[in-house]
Amino acid sequence: MKSAYELAMEKLGKPREYSDEQKSQLAEIDSLYDSKKAQAKLGADEELKKAALDPAKLDEIREQLARDLKRFEEQKESEKQKVRKDKGSE
């Protein structure tokens, strides 16, 4: 499965070739952060159920979840970019 980055690069006519090790590392990073996002969503769902009658608390939980998901996405892309750049040092 190709990442959004790889698909975009192909559309631009500049496909990237990664080693099997890099592909494996990229897949591991995706898997790790997908699980972190899922865990955060489950935790937020639990908290939302507990705070069902407190609108302020509900908003706070939703905002925290949005921040966490954004942070995870940024961390994931940062880690993947490091793996992609390592190709140049081979």
C-alpha atoms as a PDB file:
ATOM      1  CA  MET A   1       0.000   0.000   0.000  1.00  0.00           C
ATOM      2  CA  LYS A   2       1.399   3.382  -0.980  1.00  0.00           C
ATOM      3  CA  SER A   3       1.361   6.402   1.255  1.00  0.00           C
ATOM      4  CA  ALA A   4      -0.330   9.629   0.229  1.00  0.00           C
ATOM      5  CA  TYR A   5       3.132  11.126  -0.226  1.00  0.00           C
ATOM      6  CA  GLU A   6       4.189   8.388  -2.649  1.00  0.00           C
ATOM      7  CA  LEU A   7       0.971   8.725  -4.640  1.00  0.00           C
ATOM      8  CA  ALA A   8       1.398  12.493  -4.860  1.00  0.00           C
ATOM      9  CA  MET A   9       4.986  12.099  -6.032  1.00  0.00           C
ATOM     10  CA  GLU A  10       3.868   9.686  -8.750  1.00  0.00           C
ATOM     11  CA  LYS A  11       1.258  12.164  -9.952  1.00  0.00           C
ATOM     12  CA  LEU A  12       4.012  14.759 -10.189  1.00  0.00           C
ATOM     13  CA  GLY A  13       6.021  12.353 -12.318  1.00  0.00           C
ATOM     14  CA  LYS A  14       8.706  11.858  -9.682  1.00  0.00           C
ATOM     15  CA  PRO A  15       8.112   8.396  -8.196  1.00  0.00           C
ATOM     16  CA  ARG A  16      10.339   7.475  -5.301  1.00  0.00           C
ATOM     17  CA  GLU A  17      11.977   4.116  -4.971  1.00  0.00           C
ATOM     18  CA  TYR A  18      12.485   2.868  -1.438  1.00  0.00           C
ATOM     19  CA  SER A  19      14.393  -0.141  -0.239  1.00  0.00           C
ATOM     20  CA  ASP A  20      12.492  -3.026   1.306  1.00  0.00           C
ATOM     21  CA  GLU A  21      13.843  -1.948   4.696  1.00  0.00           C
ATOM     22  CA  GLN A  22      12.530   1.591   4.218  1.00  0.00           C
ATOM     23  CA  LYS A  23       9.144   0.302   3.103  1.00  0.00           C
ATOM     24  CA  SER A  24       9.021  -1.867   6.203  1.00  0.00           C
ATOM     25  CA  GLN A  25       9.983   1.064   8.438  1.00  0.00           C
ATOM     26  CA  LEU A  26       7.347   3.303   6.843  1.00  0.00           C
ATOM     27  CA  ALA A  27       4.703   0.607   7.336  1.00  0.00           C
ATOM     28  CA  GLU A  28       5.726   0.172  10.991  1.00  0.00           C
ATOM     29  CA  ILE A  29       5.440   3.907  11.573  1.00  0.00           C
ATOM     30  CA  ASP A  30       1.969   3.957   9.991  1.00  0.00           C
ATOM     31  CA  SER A  31       0.887   1.028  12.127  1.00  0.00           C
ATOM     32  CA  LEU A  32       2.269   2.535  15.336  1.00  0.00           C
ATOM     33  CA  TYR A  33       0.539   5.868  14.863  1.00  0.00           C
ATOM     34  CA  ASP A  34      -2.703   4.288  13.654  1.00  0.00           C
ATOM     35  CA  SER A  35      -2.807   2.359  16.921  1.00  0.00           C
ATOM     36  CA  LYS A  36      -2.019   5.505  18.940  1.00  0.00           C
ATOM     37  CA  LYS A  37      -4.858   7.342  17.205  1.00  0.00           C
ATOM     38  CA  ALA A  38      -7.273   4.458  17.812  1.00  0.00           C
ATOM     39  CA  GLN A  39      -6.305   4.304  21.472  1.00  0.00           C
ATOM     40  CA  ALA A  40      -6.818   8.060  21.855  1.00  0.00           C
ATOM     41  CA  LYS A  41     -10.243   7.830  20.199  1.00  0.00           C
ATOM     42  CA  LEU A  42     -11.306   4.966  22.457  1.00  0.00           C
ATOM     43  CA  GLY A  43     -10.161   6.851  25.527  1.00  0.00           C
ATOM     44  CA  ALA A  44     -12.010   9.961  24.396  1.00  0.00           C
ATOM     45  CA  ASP A  45     -15.168   7.945  23.741  1.00  0.00           C
ATOM     46  CA  GLU A  46     -15.036   6.615  27.300  1.00  0.00           C
ATOM     47  CA  GLU A  47     -14.579  10.134  28.671  1.00  0.00           C
ATOM     48  CA  LEU A  48     -17.385  11.491  26.484  1.00  0.00           C
ATOM     49  CA  LYS A  49     -19.772   8.889  27.893  1.00  0.00           C
ATOM     50  CA  LYS A  50     -18.836   9.846  31.442  1.00  0.00           C
ATOM     51  CA  ALA A  51     -19.252  13.567  30.740  1.00  0.00           C
ATOM     52  CA  ALA A  52     -22.478  13.256  28.749  1.00  0.00           C
ATOM     53  CA  LEU A  53     -24.310  15.863  30.816  1.00  0.00           C
ATOM     54  CA  ASP A  54     -21.515  18.444  30.991  1.00  0.00           C
ATOM     55  CA  PRO A  55     -21.272  20.407  27.706  1.00  0.00           C
ATOM     56  CA  ALA A  56     -18.099  22.223  28.777  1.00  0.00           C
ATOM     57  CA  LYS A  57     -16.380  18.936  29.606  1.00  0.00           C
ATOM     58  CA  LEU A  58     -17.534  17.447  26.287  1.00  0.00           C
ATOM     59  CA  ASP A  59     -15.970  20.338  24.373  1.00  0.00           C
ATOM     60  CA  GLU A  60     -12.759  20.022  26.369  1.00  0.00           C
ATOM     61  CA  ILE A  61     -12.508  16.295  25.601  1.00  0.00           C
ATOM     62  CA  ARG A  62     -13.157  16.851  21.885  1.00  0.00           C
ATOM     63  CA  GLU A  63     -10.560  19.624  21.703  1.00  0.00           C
ATOM     64  CA  GLN A  64      -7.987  17.476  23.487  1.00  0.00           C
ATOM     65  CA  LEU A  65      -8.661  14.590  21.108  1.00  0.00           C
ATOM     66  CA  ALA A  66      -8.247  16.879  18.094  1.00  0.00           C
ATOM     67  CA  ARG A  67      -4.922  18.155  19.493  1.00  0.00           C
ATOM     68  CA  ASP A  68      -3.726  14.608  20.176  1.00  0.00           C
ATOM     69  CA  LEU A  69      -4.666  13.385  16.701  1.00  0.00           C
ATOM     70  CA  LYS A  70      -2.925  16.347  15.078  1.00  0.00           C
ATOM     71  CA  ARG A  71       0.186  15.783  17.203  1.00  0.00           C
ATOM     72  CA  PHE A  72       0.258  12.081  16.296  1.00  0.00           C
ATOM     73  CA  GLU A  73      -0.058  12.918  12.598  1.00  0.00           C
ATOM     74  CA  GLU A  74       2.791  15.438  12.814  1.00  0.00           C
ATOM     75  CA  GLN A  75       4.995  12.968  14.681  1.00  0.00           C
ATOM     76  CA  LYS A  76       4.208  10.250  12.160  1.00  0.00           C
ATOM     77  CA  GLU A  77       5.093  12.437   9.188  1.00  0.00           C
ATOM     78  CA  SER A  78       8.284  13.611  10.888  1.00  0.00           C
ATOM     79  CA  GLU A  79       9.418  10.035  11.498  1.00  0.00           C
ATOM     80  CA  LYS A  80       8.510   8.990   7.966  1.00  0.00           C
ATOM     81  CA  GLN A  81      10.400  11.951   6.530  1.00  0.00           C
ATOM     82  CA  LYS A  82      13.530  10.835   8.410  1.00  0.00           C
ATOM     83  CA  VAL A  83      13.220   7.372   6.845  1.00  0.00           C
ATOM     84  CA  ARG A  84      12.726   8.897   3.395  1.00  0.00           C
ATOM     85  CA  LYS A  85      15.778  11.162   3.790  1.00  0.00           C
ATOM     86  CA  ASP A  86      17.935   8.195   4.835  1.00  0.00           C
ATOM     87  CA  LYS A  87      17.673   7.014   1.231  1.00  0.00           C
ATOM     88  CA  GLY A  88      20.003   9.825   0.206  1.00  0.00           C
ATOM     89  CA  SER A  89      22.718   8.699   2.601  1.00  0.00           C
ATOM     90  CA  GLU A  90      22.991   5.187   1.141  1.00  0.00           C
END
